[in-house]
Amino acid sequence: MYKYKVVAKIVEIRGEGKCSYGHKVGDTFEFAGYTPGGLCQFAYDSLRSAVAALLYGGSFPWMEDSNVTTWACPDPDRPVIFELTRIPI
């Protein structure tokens, strides 16, 4: 079982400010062992490795806070920026 869950919150949508999948700033998705429903598959593929690292207690060398990082979906024209937050459970 996981010691953590990860919450992905959309904090920005660049470009036109409109996600082609329909996500909006403020949308949240919780990862705690399962893929959250309603999350764009391309965004999930982009977030998957970072979420796994956070779920298992890993960190990234560029992070000031080992519990929070940002990640983007791969849309080159309208990237959706997610803030990933690790939360103990």
Protein backbone atom coordinates (compact mmCIF):
# COMPACT_ATOMS: atom_id res chain seq x y z
CA MET A 1 0.00 0.00 0.00
CA TYR A 2 1.12 3.54 -0.66
CA LYS A 3 2.29 5.88 2.10
CA TYR A 4 1.26 8.88 -0.01
CA LYS A 5 -1.30 10.11 -2.45
CA VAL A 6 -0.61 12.72 -5.12
CA VAL A 7 -3.04 15.47 -6.06
CA ALA A 8 -2.59 17.03 -9.49
CA LYS A 9 -4.13 20.50 -9.71
CA ILE A 10 -4.29 22.51 -12.93
CA VAL A 11 -2.69 25.86 -12.19
CA GLU A 12 -2.31 27.29 -15.70
CA ILE A 13 -3.26 26.68 -19.33
CA ARG A 14 -0.90 28.42 -21.70
CA GLY A 15 -1.48 29.53 -25.26
CA GLU A 16 -5.15 30.29 -25.80
CA GLY A 17 -5.88 29.43 -22.17
CA LYS A 18 -8.18 26.66 -23.34
CA CYS A 19 -7.47 22.93 -23.07
CA SER A 20 -8.62 20.94 -26.12
CA TYR A 21 -9.78 18.13 -23.77
CA GLY A 22 -11.84 20.57 -21.70
CA HIS A 23 -9.77 20.76 -18.53
CA LYS A 24 -9.94 24.04 -16.62
CA VAL A 25 -7.70 25.85 -14.14
CA GLY A 26 -8.56 24.56 -10.69
CA ASP A 27 -9.46 21.01 -11.79
CA THR A 28 -7.92 18.39 -9.50
CA PHE A 29 -7.13 14.70 -9.89
CA GLU A 30 -6.11 12.34 -7.11
CA PHE A 31 -3.61 9.53 -7.64
CA ALA A 32 -3.56 6.85 -4.95
CA GLY A 33 -2.96 3.66 -6.91
CA TYR A 34 -5.48 4.12 -9.73
CA THR A 35 -5.69 6.39 -12.75
CA PRO A 36 -8.12 9.17 -11.85
CA GLY A 37 -11.24 9.29 -13.98
CA GLY A 38 -11.74 12.17 -16.36
CA LEU A 39 -8.04 12.89 -16.91
CA CYS A 40 -6.88 13.26 -20.51
CA GLN A 41 -4.80 10.23 -21.54
CA PHE A 42 -2.02 12.43 -22.96
CA ALA A 43 -1.79 14.37 -19.68
CA TYR A 44 -1.79 11.08 -17.74
CA ASP A 45 1.06 9.74 -19.87
CA SER A 46 3.04 12.91 -19.20
CA LEU A 47 2.39 12.88 -15.43
CA ARG A 48 2.75 9.13 -14.84
CA SER A 49 6.49 8.94 -14.05
CA ALA A 50 6.49 12.02 -11.83
CA VAL A 51 3.44 10.78 -9.94
CA ALA A 52 5.02 7.34 -9.45
CA ALA A 53 8.18 8.91 -8.04
CA LEU A 54 6.16 11.01 -5.59
CA LEU A 55 3.94 8.08 -4.58
CA TYR A 56 7.01 6.06 -3.60
CA GLY A 57 8.75 8.89 -1.71
CA GLY A 58 11.09 10.04 -4.49
CA SER A 59 12.05 13.61 -5.25
CA PHE A 60 13.52 15.68 -8.05
CA PRO A 61 16.80 17.61 -7.65
CA TRP A 62 15.27 20.88 -8.87
CA MET A 63 12.45 20.85 -6.31
CA GLU A 64 12.70 23.29 -3.42
CA ASP A 65 9.95 21.41 -1.57
CA SER A 66 10.20 17.62 -1.94
CA ASN A 67 6.39 17.37 -1.79
CA VAL A 68 5.46 19.78 -4.60
CA THR A 69 6.50 20.05 -8.24
CA THR A 70 4.99 21.20 -11.53
CA TRP A 71 4.57 19.19 -14.70
CA ALA A 72 2.99 19.92 -18.10
CA CYS A 73 0.95 17.98 -20.62
CA PRO A 74 2.57 17.55 -24.05
CA ASP A 75 0.27 19.88 -26.05
CA PRO A 76 2.77 22.21 -27.75
CA ASP A 77 0.23 24.99 -28.40
CA ARG A 78 -1.81 24.90 -25.18
CA PRO A 79 0.18 23.08 -22.49
CA VAL A 80 -1.76 22.43 -19.31
CA ILE A 81 0.42 23.02 -16.23
CA PHE A 82 -0.19 20.75 -13.24
CA GLU A 83 1.02 21.26 -9.69
CA LEU A 84 1.70 17.82 -8.19
CA THR A 85 1.46 17.66 -4.42
CA ARG A 86 2.44 14.62 -2.36
CA ILE A 87 0.27 14.11 0.73
CA PRO A 88 0.91 11.49 3.45
CA ILE A 89 -2.00 9.11 4.02
